[in-house]
Amino acid sequence: MRNDIEFKSQGTRCAAWFYRPDSPGISPCVVMAHGFSGVREQRLDAFAERFARAGMAVLLFDYRHFGASAGEPRQLLSIRRQLQDWEAAVCAARALPGIDRCDRL
C-alpha cells in the first residue's frame, strides 16, 4: 500500500511515502508533512494509512534538510523553504497516475 517516492524542490531531493487506496480509479490525494522540524516517522503514517483506508491517496513527505530528504546543512529550519517544499509536493502529487488533479477548480 505504501511506496517510497521522491520529488525535487528547488533542485533538492525530497523523500516521500505514497499511499494508494485499494479502490480502483481516480482518487483524491492528501498531501502531508509534519510541522516545522518533524519527520514522517513521527506517527504521520498512522494518519496516512487511515486516509488510504477511507479511499484517498496520500503523499507524505519530509522537508528538505530533514529526515530522509536531502539538503545541507541538516536540520535547517526555513519557513520559506518549507513553503516551497509544499508547493513542489502538491505539484508532484498532481502528476501521479490515478490522482484527481482538480483541474476544474
Protein backbone atom coordinates (compact mmCIF):
# COMPACT_ATOMS: atom_id res chain seq x y z
CA MET A 1 0.00 0.00 0.00
CA ARG A 2 2.94 2.37 0.65
CA ASN A 3 5.68 3.16 -1.88
CA ASP A 4 8.84 5.20 -1.46
CA ILE A 5 8.97 8.04 -3.98
CA GLU A 6 10.85 11.31 -4.31
CA PHE A 7 10.41 14.68 -5.95
CA LYS A 8 12.54 17.80 -6.35
CA SER A 9 12.04 21.05 -4.53
CA GLN A 10 14.26 23.86 -5.80
CA GLY A 11 16.59 21.18 -7.20
CA THR A 12 16.90 19.23 -3.93
CA ARG A 13 15.50 15.72 -3.46
CA CYS A 14 12.56 15.35 -1.08
CA ALA A 15 11.74 11.86 0.18
CA ALA A 16 8.11 10.82 0.37
CA TRP A 17 5.81 7.89 1.01
CA PHE A 18 2.92 7.45 -1.38
CA TYR A 19 -0.16 5.59 -0.17
CA ARG A 20 -2.69 4.45 -2.75
CA PRO A 21 -6.17 3.31 -1.67
CA ASP A 22 -7.43 -0.16 -2.56
CA SER A 23 -10.28 1.29 -4.62
CA PRO A 24 -9.70 1.44 -8.39
CA GLY A 25 -10.00 4.59 -10.47
CA ILE A 26 -9.17 8.22 -9.83
CA SER A 27 -8.60 9.16 -6.17
CA PRO A 28 -8.39 12.43 -4.29
CA CYS A 29 -4.97 12.96 -2.71
CA VAL A 30 -3.99 14.36 0.67
CA VAL A 31 -0.50 15.94 0.87
CA MET A 32 1.02 15.77 4.34
CA ALA A 33 4.16 16.79 6.23
CA HIS A 34 4.95 17.47 9.85
CA GLY A 35 5.13 20.95 11.30
CA PHE A 36 8.49 22.73 11.46
CA SER A 37 11.10 20.04 12.18
CA GLY A 38 9.13 16.79 12.41
CA VAL A 39 9.67 13.84 10.08
CA ARG A 40 7.40 11.18 8.55
CA GLU A 41 8.34 8.51 11.08
CA GLN A 42 6.82 10.54 13.91
CA ARG A 43 3.45 8.78 13.51
CA LEU A 44 2.10 10.62 10.48
CA ASP A 45 1.97 7.20 8.81
CA ALA A 46 -0.96 6.28 11.07
CA PHE A 47 -2.97 9.19 9.67
CA ALA A 48 -1.91 8.41 6.10
CA GLU A 49 -2.99 4.78 6.48
CA ARG A 50 -6.37 5.89 7.80
CA PHE A 51 -6.89 8.26 4.85
CA ALA A 52 -5.93 5.46 2.42
CA ARG A 53 -8.44 3.09 4.04
CA ALA A 54 -11.07 5.80 3.53
CA GLY A 55 -10.32 5.84 -0.22
CA MET A 56 -7.84 8.70 -0.51
CA ALA A 57 -4.30 8.64 -1.80
CA VAL A 58 -1.66 10.29 0.41
CA LEU A 59 1.71 11.86 -0.35
CA LEU A 60 3.57 12.15 2.96
CA PHE A 61 6.95 13.90 2.71
CA ASP A 62 9.96 15.10 4.68
CA TYR A 63 11.05 18.70 4.22
CA ARG A 64 14.42 19.42 2.67
CA HIS A 65 17.17 19.25 5.31
CA PHE A 66 15.11 16.83 7.45
CA GLY A 67 14.53 13.09 7.67
CA ALA A 68 15.25 11.09 4.52
CA SER A 69 15.27 14.18 2.28
CA ALA A 70 18.49 15.72 1.02
CA GLY A 71 19.78 19.17 1.92
CA GLU A 72 22.74 20.62 3.78
CA PRO A 73 23.11 21.74 6.44
CA ARG A 74 20.92 19.20 8.19
CA GLN A 75 18.05 20.36 10.44
CA LEU A 76 17.89 23.77 8.73
CA LEU A 77 14.53 25.31 9.61
CA SER A 78 13.36 27.76 6.94
CA ILE A 79 9.66 28.56 6.60
CA ARG A 80 10.30 29.94 3.10
CA ARG A 81 11.91 26.66 2.01
CA GLN A 82 9.19 24.59 3.65
CA LEU A 83 6.53 26.54 1.75
CA GLN A 84 8.47 25.82 -1.45
CA ASP A 85 8.51 22.14 -0.47
CA TRP A 86 4.73 22.19 -0.01
CA GLU A 87 4.27 23.67 -3.48
CA ALA A 88 6.59 21.07 -5.00
CA ALA A 89 4.81 18.25 -3.14
CA VAL A 90 1.39 19.34 -4.39
CA CYS A 91 2.72 19.52 -7.95
CA ALA A 92 4.30 16.07 -7.56
CA ALA A 93 1.05 14.62 -6.20
CA ARG A 94 -0.97 16.06 -9.07
CA ALA A 95 1.41 14.39 -11.55
CA LEU A 96 0.99 10.89 -10.07
CA PRO A 97 -1.13 8.42 -12.06
CA GLY A 98 -4.64 7.83 -10.76
CA ILE A 99 -4.83 11.10 -8.83
CA ASP A 100 -7.64 13.61 -9.21
CA ARG A 101 -5.71 16.66 -10.40
CA CYS A 102 -8.51 19.11 -9.53
CA ASP A 103 -8.23 20.79 -12.94
CA ARG A 104 -11.77 22.06 -12.61
CA LEU A 105 -11.01 24.28 -9.60
